[in-house]
PDB file of N, CA and C in Angstrom:
ATOM      1  N   UNK A   1      -0.789   2.709  11.552  1.00  0.00           N
ATOM      2  CA  UNK A   1      -0.230   0.803  10.785  1.00  0.00           C
ATOM      3  C   UNK A   1       0.550   0.431  11.449  1.00  0.00           C
ATOM      4  N   UNK A   2      -0.350  -0.533  11.863  1.00  0.00           N
ATOM      5  CA  UNK A   2       0.042  -1.852  12.992  1.00  0.00           C
ATOM      6  C   UNK A   2       1.659  -2.394  12.733  1.00  0.00           C
ATOM      7  N   UNK A   3       1.259  -2.644  11.334  1.00  0.00           N
ATOM      8  CA  UNK A   3       2.578  -3.427  10.203  1.00  0.00           C
ATOM      9  C   UNK A   3       3.278  -2.610   9.380  1.00  0.00           C
ATOM     10  N   UNK A   4       4.531  -2.634   9.208  1.00  0.00           N
ATOM     11  CA  UNK A   4       4.594  -2.566   8.371  1.00  0.00           C
ATOM     12  C   UNK A   4       4.738  -3.281   6.602  1.00  0.00           C
ATOM     13  N   UNK A   5       3.916  -3.037   5.720  1.00  0.00           N
ATOM     14  CA  UNK A   5       3.829  -3.211   4.420  1.00  0.00           C
ATOM     15  C   UNK A   5       5.561  -3.031   3.862  1.00  0.00           C
ATOM     16  N   UNK A   6       5.532  -4.581   3.534  1.00  0.00           N
ATOM     17  CA  UNK A   6       7.084  -4.945   2.828  1.00  0.00           C
ATOM     18  C   UNK A   6       7.046  -5.305   1.315  1.00  0.00           C
ATOM     19  N   UNK A   7       7.902  -4.782   0.683  1.00  0.00           N
ATOM     20  CA  UNK A   7       7.935  -5.409  -1.058  1.00  0.00           C
ATOM     21  C   UNK A   7       7.648  -7.014  -0.963  1.00  0.00           C
ATOM     22  N   UNK A   8       7.993  -8.270  -0.382  1.00  0.00           N
ATOM     23  CA  UNK A   8       6.992  -9.531  -0.144  1.00  0.00           C
ATOM     24  C   UNK A   8       5.650  -9.020  -0.806  1.00  0.00           C
ATOM     25  N   UNK A   9       5.068  -8.834   0.736  1.00  0.00           N
ATOM     26  CA  UNK A   9       3.388  -8.318   0.374  1.00  0.00           C
ATOM     27  C   UNK A   9       2.965  -7.761  -0.407  1.00  0.00           C
ATOM     28  N   UNK A  10       4.058  -6.152  -1.232  1.00  0.00           N
ATOM     29  CA  UNK A  10       3.642  -5.433  -2.363  1.00  0.00           C
ATOM     30  C   UNK A  10       3.502  -6.387  -2.941  1.00  0.00           C
ATOM     31  N   UNK A  11       4.453  -7.083  -3.341  1.00  0.00           N
ATOM     32  CA  UNK A  11       4.684  -7.975  -4.309  1.00  0.00           C
ATOM     33  C   UNK A  11       3.353  -9.248  -4.456  1.00  0.00           C
ATOM     34  N   UNK A  12       2.983  -9.564  -3.520  1.00  0.00           N
ATOM     35  CA  UNK A  12       1.848 -10.058  -3.178  1.00  0.00           C
ATOM     36  C   UNK A  12       0.621  -9.613  -4.122  1.00  0.00           C
ATOM     37  N   UNK A  13       0.500  -7.878  -3.597  1.00  0.00           N
ATOM     38  CA  UNK A  13      -0.778  -7.161  -4.029  1.00  0.00           C
ATOM     39  C   UNK A  13      -0.921  -7.057  -5.513  1.00  0.00           C
ATOM     40  N   UNK A  14       0.569  -7.142  -5.808  1.00  0.00           N
ATOM     41  CA  UNK A  14       0.589  -7.002  -7.278  1.00  0.00           C
ATOM     42  C   UNK A  14       0.237  -7.523  -7.855  1.00  0.00           C
ATOM     43  N   UNK A  15       0.316  -8.717  -7.463  1.00  0.00           N
ATOM     44  CA  UNK A  15      -0.493 -10.290  -8.155  1.00  0.00           C
ATOM     45  C   UNK A  15      -1.718 -10.558  -7.821  1.00  0.00           C
ATOM     46  N   UNK A  16      -2.455 -10.095  -6.057  1.00  0.00           N
ATOM     47  CA  UNK A  16      -3.582 -10.314  -6.373  1.00  0.00           C
ATOM     48  C   UNK A  16      -4.503  -9.869  -6.695  1.00  0.00           C
ATOM     49  N   UNK A  17      -3.841  -7.965  -6.649  1.00  0.00           N
ATOM     50  CA  UNK A  17      -5.055  -6.989  -7.259  1.00  0.00           C
ATOM     51  C   UNK A  17      -4.709  -6.793  -9.014  1.00  0.00           C
ATOM     52  N   UNK A  18      -3.258  -6.903  -9.425  1.00  0.00           N
ATOM     53  CA  UNK A  18      -3.088  -6.558 -10.501  1.00  0.00           C
ATOM     54  C   UNK A  18      -2.565  -7.978 -11.861  1.00  0.00           C
ATOM     55  N   UNK A  19      -2.887  -8.579 -11.401  1.00  0.00           N
ATOM     56  CA  UNK A  19      -2.183 -10.123 -11.558  1.00  0.00           C
ATOM     57  C   UNK A  19      -0.967 -10.147 -12.231  1.00  0.00           C
ATOM     58  N   UNK A  20       0.066  -8.963 -11.676  1.00  0.00           N
ATOM     59  CA  UNK A  20       1.264  -8.644 -12.540  1.00  0.00           C
ATOM     60  C   UNK A  20       2.108  -9.905 -10.888  1.00  0.00           C
ATOM     61  N   UNK A  21       3.081 -10.479 -11.403  1.00  0.00           N
ATOM     62  CA  UNK A  21       3.739 -11.731 -10.865  1.00  0.00           C
ATOM     63  C   UNK A  21       5.629 -10.925 -10.922  1.00  0.00           C
ATOM     64  N   UNK A  22       6.076 -10.079 -10.200  1.00  0.00           N
ATOM     65  CA  UNK A  22       6.584  -9.204  -9.759  1.00  0.00           C
ATOM     66  C   UNK A  22       7.605 -10.290  -8.331  1.00  0.00           C
ATOM     67  N   UNK A  23       8.750 -10.431  -8.963  1.00  0.00           N
ATOM     68  CA  UNK A  23       9.649 -11.041  -7.953  1.00  0.00           C
ATOM     69  C   UNK A  23       9.562  -9.580  -6.991  1.00  0.00           C
ATOM     70  N   UNK A  24       9.989 -10.247  -4.804  1.00  0.00           N
ATOM     71  CA  UNK A  24      10.285  -9.285  -4.594  1.00  0.00           C
ATOM     72  C   UNK A  24      11.757  -8.755  -4.830  1.00  0.00           C
ATOM     73  N   UNK A  25      12.538  -9.809  -4.746  1.00  0.00           N
ATOM     74  CA  UNK A  25      14.007  -9.889  -5.094  1.00  0.00           C
ATOM     75  C   UNK A  25      14.618  -8.116  -5.772  1.00  0.00           C
ATOM     76  N   UNK A  26      13.094  -8.129  -7.309  1.00  0.00           N
ATOM     77  CA  UNK A  26      13.460  -7.741  -8.206  1.00  0.00           C
ATOM     78  C   UNK A  26      12.803  -6.303  -7.569  1.00  0.00           C
ATOM     79  N   UNK A  27      11.590  -6.040  -6.810  1.00  0.00           N
ATOM     80  CA  UNK A  27      11.773  -4.698  -6.050  1.00  0.00           C
ATOM     81  C   UNK A  27      12.402  -4.164  -5.351  1.00  0.00           C
ATOM     82  N   UNK A  28      13.094  -4.408  -4.725  1.00  0.00           N
ATOM     83  CA  UNK A  28      14.381  -4.114  -3.549  1.00  0.00           C
ATOM     84  C   UNK A  28      15.365  -4.350  -4.318  1.00  0.00           C
ATOM     85  N   UNK A  29      15.922  -4.204  -5.602  1.00  0.00           N
ATOM     86  CA  UNK A  29      16.842  -4.350  -6.406  1.00  0.00           C
ATOM     87  C   UNK A  29      16.986  -3.617  -6.936  1.00  0.00           C
ATOM     88  N   UNK A  30      15.052  -2.919  -7.339  1.00  0.00           N
ATOM     89  CA  UNK A  30      14.965  -1.397  -7.873  1.00  0.00           C
ATOM     90  C   UNK A  30      14.303  -1.079  -7.678  1.00  0.00           C
ATOM     91  N   UNK A  31      14.300  -0.194  -5.999  1.00  0.00           N
ATOM     92  CA  UNK A  31      13.306   0.043  -5.575  1.00  0.00           C
ATOM     93  C   UNK A  31      12.508   2.024  -6.248  1.00  0.00           C
ATOM     94  N   UNK A  32      13.513   2.427  -6.842  1.00  0.00           N
ATOM     95  CA  UNK A  32      13.263   3.652  -7.712  1.00  0.00           C
ATOM     96  C   UNK A  32      12.344   3.667  -8.967  1.00  0.00           C
ATOM     97  N   UNK A  33      13.152   1.929  -9.847  1.00  0.00           N
ATOM     98  CA  UNK A  33      11.838   1.593 -11.400  1.00  0.00           C
ATOM     99  C   UNK A  33      10.246   2.126 -10.526  1.00  0.00           C
ATOM    100  N   UNK A  34       9.917   2.897 -11.986  1.00  0.00           N
ATOM    101  CA  UNK A  34       8.683   2.712 -11.419  1.00  0.00           C
ATOM    102  C   UNK A  34       8.243   1.597 -11.628  1.00  0.00           C
ATOM    103  N   UNK A  35       6.965   1.794 -11.145  1.00  0.00           N
ATOM    104  CA  UNK A  35       5.244   0.960 -11.248  1.00  0.00           C
ATOM    105  C   UNK A  35       5.086   0.505 -13.399  1.00  0.00           C
ATOM    106  N   UNK A  36       5.131   1.358 -13.228  1.00  0.00           N
ATOM    107  CA  UNK A  36       5.262   0.356 -15.011  1.00  0.00           C
ATOM    108  C   UNK A  36       6.045   0.647 -15.511  1.00  0.00           C
ATOM    109  N   UNK A  37       7.106   0.457 -14.883  1.00  0.00           N
ATOM    110  CA  UNK A  37       8.245  -0.708 -15.045  1.00  0.00           C
ATOM    111  C   UNK A  37       7.779  -1.843 -15.526  1.00  0.00           C
ATOM    112  N   UNK A  38       7.904  -2.527 -14.281  1.00  0.00           N
ATOM    113  CA  UNK A  38       7.260  -4.154 -13.307  1.00  0.00           C
ATOM    114  C   UNK A  38       5.425  -3.447 -14.290  1.00  0.00           C
ATOM    115  N   UNK A  39       4.829  -3.076 -14.937  1.00  0.00           N
ATOM    116  CA  UNK A  39       3.742  -3.325 -15.835  1.00  0.00           C
ATOM    117  C   UNK A  39       2.496  -3.086 -14.544  1.00  0.00           C
ATOM    118  N   UNK A  40       2.487  -2.525 -13.753  1.00  0.00           N
ATOM    119  CA  UNK A  40       1.519  -1.708 -13.332  1.00  0.00           C
ATOM    120  C   UNK A  40       1.129  -0.128 -13.208  1.00  0.00           C
ATOM    121  N   UNK A  41      -0.355  -0.680 -13.811  1.00  0.00           N
ATOM    122  CA  UNK A  41      -0.914   0.847 -14.393  1.00  0.00           C
ATOM    123  C   UNK A  41      -1.357   0.944 -13.439  1.00  0.00           C
ATOM    124  N   UNK A  42      -1.947   2.732 -13.644  1.00  0.00           N
ATOM    125  CA  UNK A  42      -3.106   3.736 -12.054  1.00  0.00           C
ATOM    126  C   UNK A  42      -3.758   2.591 -12.041  1.00  0.00           C
ATOM    127  N   UNK A  43      -5.080   1.806 -12.651  1.00  0.00           N
ATOM    128  CA  UNK A  43      -5.914   1.222 -11.931  1.00  0.00           C
ATOM    129  C   UNK A  43      -5.723   0.197 -11.651  1.00  0.00           C
ATOM    130  N   UNK A  44      -3.915  -0.714 -11.659  1.00  0.00           N
ATOM    131  CA  UNK A  44      -3.558  -2.144 -10.582  1.00  0.00           C
ATOM    132  C   UNK A  44      -3.504  -1.564  -9.749  1.00  0.00           C
ATOM    133  N   UNK A  45      -2.455   0.096  -9.452  1.00  0.00           N
ATOM    134  CA  UNK A  45      -1.962   0.578  -7.823  1.00  0.00           C
ATOM    135  C   UNK A  45      -3.545   0.713  -7.183  1.00  0.00           C
ATOM    136  N   UNK A  46      -4.113   0.714  -8.429  1.00  0.00           N
ATOM    137  CA  UNK A  46      -5.696   1.525  -6.767  1.00  0.00           C
ATOM    138  C   UNK A  46      -6.254   0.637  -6.481  1.00  0.00           C
ATOM    139  N   UNK A  47      -6.273  -0.672  -7.046  1.00  0.00           N
ATOM    140  CA  UNK A  47      -7.238  -2.080  -7.053  1.00  0.00           C
ATOM    141  C   UNK A  47      -5.748  -1.956  -5.789  1.00  0.00           C
ATOM    142  N   UNK A  48      -4.252  -2.369  -5.352  1.00  0.00           N
ATOM    143  CA  UNK A  48      -3.716  -2.425  -4.989  1.00  0.00           C
ATOM    144  C   UNK A  48      -4.053  -1.572  -3.140  1.00  0.00           C
ATOM    145  N   UNK A  49      -4.215  -0.514  -3.357  1.00  0.00           N
ATOM    146  CA  UNK A  49      -4.714   0.671  -2.282  1.00  0.00           C
ATOM    147  C   UNK A  49      -5.981   0.132  -1.780  1.00  0.00           C
ATOM    148  N   UNK A  50      -6.901   0.136  -3.406  1.00  0.00           N
ATOM    149  CA  UNK A  50      -7.924  -0.637  -2.364  1.00  0.00           C
ATOM    150  C   UNK A  50      -8.256  -2.111  -1.021  1.00  0.00           C
ATOM    151  N   UNK A  51      -7.360  -3.120  -1.873  1.00  0.00           N
ATOM    152  CA  UNK A  51      -7.454  -3.355  -1.106  1.00  0.00           C
ATOM    153  C   UNK A  51      -6.704  -3.796   0.591  1.00  0.00           C
ATOM    154  N   UNK A  52      -5.336  -3.056   0.278  1.00  0.00           N
ATOM    155  CA  UNK A  52      -4.771  -2.408   1.795  1.00  0.00           C
ATOM    156  C   UNK A  52      -6.141  -2.522   2.448  1.00  0.00           C
ATOM    157  N   UNK A  53      -6.690  -1.031   1.567  1.00  0.00           N
ATOM    158  CA  UNK A  53      -7.765  -0.375   2.417  1.00  0.00           C
ATOM    159  C   UNK A  53      -9.000  -1.492   3.079  1.00  0.00           C
ATOM    160  N   UNK A  54      -9.186  -2.299   2.651  1.00  0.00           N
ATOM    161  CA  UNK A  54     -10.634  -3.689   2.794  1.00  0.00           C
ATOM    162  C   UNK A  54     -10.137  -4.118   4.247  1.00  0.00           C
ATOM    163  N   UNK A  55      -8.454  -4.648   4.273  1.00  0.00           N
ATOM    164  CA  UNK A  55      -7.622  -5.024   5.071  1.00  0.00           C
ATOM    165  C   UNK A  55      -7.173  -5.150   6.788  1.00  0.00           C
ATOM    166  N   UNK A  56      -7.017  -3.135   5.891  1.00  0.00           N
ATOM    167  CA  UNK A  56      -7.340  -2.520   7.737  1.00  0.00           C
ATOM    168  C   UNK A  56      -8.436  -2.058   7.981  1.00  0.00           C
ATOM    169  N   UNK A  57      -9.372  -1.857   7.246  1.00  0.00           N
ATOM    170  CA  UNK A  57     -10.116  -0.736   7.636  1.00  0.00           C
ATOM    171  C   UNK A  57     -10.022  -0.348   7.725  1.00  0.00           C
ATOM    172  N   UNK A  58      -9.447   0.625   7.045  1.00  0.00           N
ATOM    173  CA  UNK A  58      -9.337   2.037   7.316  1.00  0.00           C
ATOM    174  C   UNK A  58      -8.476   2.493   5.781  1.00  0.00           C
ATOM    175  N   UNK A  59      -8.882   4.346   5.491  1.00  0.00           N
ATOM    176  CA  UNK A  59      -8.376   4.626   4.129  1.00  0.00           C
ATOM    177  C   UNK A  59      -6.618   5.030   4.089  1.00  0.00           C
ATOM    178  N   UNK A  60      -6.612   4.735   2.890  1.00  0.00           N
ATOM    179  CA  UNK A  60      -5.292   5.288   2.833  1.00  0.00           C
ATOM    180  C   UNK A  60      -5.198   6.738   2.611  1.00  0.00           C
ATOM    181  N   UNK A  61      -3.551   6.751   2.531  1.00  0.00           N
ATOM    182  CA  UNK A  61      -2.945   8.678   2.150  1.00  0.00           C
ATOM    183  C   UNK A  61      -3.291   8.298   0.793  1.00  0.00           C
ATOM    184  N   UNK A  62      -4.262   9.580   0.738  1.00  0.00           N
ATOM    185  CA  UNK A  62      -4.722  10.231  -0.456  1.00  0.00           C
ATOM    186  C   UNK A  62      -4.509  10.231  -1.634  1.00  0.00           C
ATOM    187  N   UNK A  63      -2.804  10.620  -1.361  1.00  0.00           N
ATOM    188  CA  UNK A  63      -1.620  10.474  -2.572  1.00  0.00           C
ATOM    189  C   UNK A  63      -1.109   8.961  -2.952  1.00  0.00           C
ATOM    190  N   UNK A  64      -1.659   8.099  -2.280  1.00  0.00           N
ATOM    191  CA  UNK A  64      -1.169   6.363  -2.528  1.00  0.00           C
ATOM    192  C   UNK A  64      -1.426   6.727  -3.981  1.00  0.00           C
ATOM    193  N   UNK A  65      -2.352   6.232  -4.409  1.00  0.00           N
ATOM    194  CA  UNK A  65      -2.255   5.697  -5.719  1.00  0.00           C
ATOM    195  C   UNK A  65      -1.695   6.604  -6.872  1.00  0.00           C
ATOM    196  N   UNK A  66      -1.073   7.546  -6.734  1.00  0.00           N
ATOM    197  CA  UNK A  66      -0.445   8.189  -6.910  1.00  0.00           C
ATOM    198  C   UNK A  66       1.195   8.342  -7.603  1.00  0.00           C
ATOM    199  N   UNK A  67       1.573   7.446  -6.550  1.00  0.00           N
ATOM    200  CA  UNK A  67       3.103   7.317  -6.467  1.00  0.00           C
ATOM    201  C   UNK A  67       2.850   6.426  -7.128  1.00  0.00           C
ATOM    202  N   UNK A  68       4.579   6.631  -7.979  1.00  0.00           N
ATOM    203  CA  UNK A  68       5.347   6.096  -9.463  1.00  0.00           C
ATOM    204  C   UNK A  68       6.389   5.279  -8.648  1.00  0.00           C
ATOM    205  N   UNK A  69       6.734   5.140  -7.600  1.00  0.00           N
ATOM    206  CA  UNK A  69       7.566   3.482  -7.580  1.00  0.00           C
ATOM    207  C   UNK A  69       7.519   3.226  -5.742  1.00  0.00           C
ATOM    208  N   UNK A  70       7.897   1.457  -5.811  1.00  0.00           N
ATOM    209  CA  UNK A  70       7.048   1.154  -4.606  1.00  0.00           C
ATOM    210  C   UNK A  70       8.005   2.036  -3.855  1.00  0.00           C
ATOM    211  N   UNK A  71       8.964   2.433  -3.358  1.00  0.00           N
ATOM    212  CA  UNK A  71      10.086   2.741  -2.751  1.00  0.00           C
ATOM    213  C   UNK A  71       9.072   3.703  -2.071  1.00  0.00           C
ATOM    214  N   UNK A  72       8.342   4.883  -3.187  1.00  0.00           N
ATOM    215  CA  UNK A  72       7.323   6.519  -2.205  1.00  0.00           C
ATOM    216  C   UNK A  72       6.202   5.798  -1.653  1.00  0.00           C
ATOM    217  N   UNK A  73       5.550   4.098  -2.372  1.00  0.00           N
ATOM    218  CA  UNK A  73       4.612   4.022  -1.833  1.00  0.00           C
ATOM    219  C   UNK A  73       4.926   3.382  -0.538  1.00  0.00           C
ATOM    220  N   UNK A  74       5.212   2.624   0.055  1.00  0.00           N
ATOM    221  CA  UNK A  74       6.110   1.928   0.910  1.00  0.00           C
ATOM    222  C   UNK A  74       6.585   2.948   1.677  1.00  0.00           C
ATOM    223  N   UNK A  75       7.021   4.328   1.699  1.00  0.00           N
ATOM    224  CA  UNK A  75       7.275   5.051   2.493  1.00  0.00           C
ATOM    225  C   UNK A  75       5.760   5.696   2.744  1.00  0.00           C
ATOM    226  N   UNK A  76       4.696   6.722   1.697  1.00  0.00           N
ATOM    227  CA  UNK A  76       3.931   6.963   2.389  1.00  0.00           C
ATOM    228  C   UNK A  76       3.608   5.602   3.353  1.00  0.00           C
ATOM    229  N   UNK A  77       2.926   4.735   2.374  1.00  0.00           N
ATOM    230  CA  UNK A  77       1.417   4.031   3.357  1.00  0.00           C
ATOM    231  C   UNK A  77       2.193   3.569   4.748  1.00  0.00           C
ATOM    232  N   UNK A  78       4.164   3.453   4.785  1.00  0.00           N
ATOM    233  CA  UNK A  78       4.392   2.846   6.324  1.00  0.00           C
ATOM    234  C   UNK A  78       4.759   3.915   6.943  1.00  0.00           C
ATOM    235  N   UNK A  79       4.060   4.976   7.111  1.00  0.00           N
ATOM    236  CA  UNK A  79       4.836   6.564   7.566  1.00  0.00           C
ATOM    237  C   UNK A  79       2.831   6.622   7.797  1.00  0.00           C
ATOM    238  N   UNK A  80       2.345   6.731   7.479  1.00  0.00           N
ATOM    239  CA  UNK A  80       1.031   7.278   7.599  1.00  0.00           C
ATOM    240  C   UNK A  80       0.510   6.757   8.955  1.00  0.00           C
ATOM    241  N   UNK A  81      -0.639   7.916   9.364  1.00  0.00           N
ATOM    242  CA  UNK A  81      -0.800   8.179  11.043  1.00  0.00           C
ATOM    243  C   UNK A  81      -1.862   7.360  10.844  1.00  0.00           C
ATOM    244  N   UNK A  82      -1.921   6.097  11.974  1.00  0.00           N
ATOM    245  CA  UNK A  82      -3.011   5.350  11.712  1.00  0.00           C
ATOM    246  C   UNK A  82      -4.234   6.028  11.941  1.00  0.00           C
ATOM    247  N   UNK A  83      -5.370   6.116  10.942  1.00  0.00           N
ATOM    248  CA  UNK A  83      -6.233   7.433  10.907  1.00  0.00           C
ATOM    249  C   UNK A  83      -7.824   6.015  11.446  1.00  0.00           C
ATOM    250  N   UNK A  84      -7.195   5.303  12.038  1.00  0.00           N
ATOM    251  CA  UNK A  84      -8.916   4.141  13.095  1.00  0.00           C
ATOM    252  C   UNK A  84      -9.440   5.333  13.893  1.00  0.00           C
ATOM    253  N   UNK A  85     -10.854   4.641  14.170  1.00  0.00           N
ATOM    254  CA  UNK A  85     -11.568   5.733  15.708  1.00  0.00           C
ATOM    255  C   UNK A  85     -10.709   4.777  16.763  1.00  0.00           C
ATOM    256  N   UNK A  86     -10.059   6.649  17.333  1.00  0.00           N
ATOM    257  CA  UNK A  86      -9.917   5.949  19.003  1.00  0.00           C
ATOM    258  C   UNK A  86     -11.158   5.109  19.403  1.00  0.00           C
ATOM    259  N   UNK A  87     -10.551   5.391  21.066  1.00  0.00           N
ATOM    260  CA  UNK A  87     -12.391   4.935  21.690  1.00  0.00           C
ATOM    261  C   UNK A  87     -12.608   6.461  22.193  1.00  0.00           C
ATOM    262  N   UNK A  88     -13.446   6.492  22.925  1.00  0.00           N
ATOM    263  CA  UNK A  88     -14.106   8.090  23.133  1.00  0.00           C
ATOM    264  C   UNK A  88     -14.561   7.570  24.675  1.00  0.00           C
ATOM    265  N   UNK A  89     -14.085   7.192  25.760  1.00  0.00           N
ATOM    266  CA  UNK A  89     -14.751   7.282  26.698  1.00  0.00           C
ATOM    267  C   UNK A  89     -16.073   7.790  27.251  1.00  0.00           C
ATOM    268  N   UNK A  90     -16.743   7.236  27.814  1.00  0.00           N
ATOM    269  CA  UNK A  90     -17.325   7.907  28.231  1.00  0.00           C
ATOM    270  C   UNK A  90     -18.279   7.650  29.950  1.00  0.00           C
ATOM    271  N   UNK A  91     -18.519   9.290  30.304  1.00  0.00           N
ATOM    272  CA  UNK A  91     -18.432   9.067  31.606  1.00  0.00           C
ATOM    273  C   UNK A  91     -20.523   8.891  32.098  1.00  0.00           C
ATOM    274  N   UNK A  92     -20.859   8.373  32.868  1.00  0.00           N
ATOM    275  CA  UNK A  92     -21.687   8.331  33.416  1.00  0.00           C
ATOM    276  C   UNK A  92     -22.892   8.759  33.402  1.00  0.00           C
ATOM    277  N   UNK A  93     -24.529   8.289  32.599  1.00  0.00           N
ATOM    278  CA  UNK A  93     -25.444   9.874  32.681  1.00  0.00           C
ATOM    279  C   UNK A  93     -26.258   9.841  33.566  1.00  0.00           C
TER     280      UNK A  93
END
């Protein structure tokens, strides 16, 4: 991934994908609190994963929708290798 997902962006995704307003400072102060404690259920997290996939044009790691905390989610999506197709050099035919 070219850019690292931040807590501010995660809070914005929680708003747009799940309708939850969460202060990024609250996420920063409680990175190990569960998403459920912030009111985000598994369907909302799946919506966030889908939104990220649409934005980046590639799939997120398979366990992204199973993360339980903001810290775990950011660690997973920010360390995932970029799986975008590489350009394949062609030789003259």
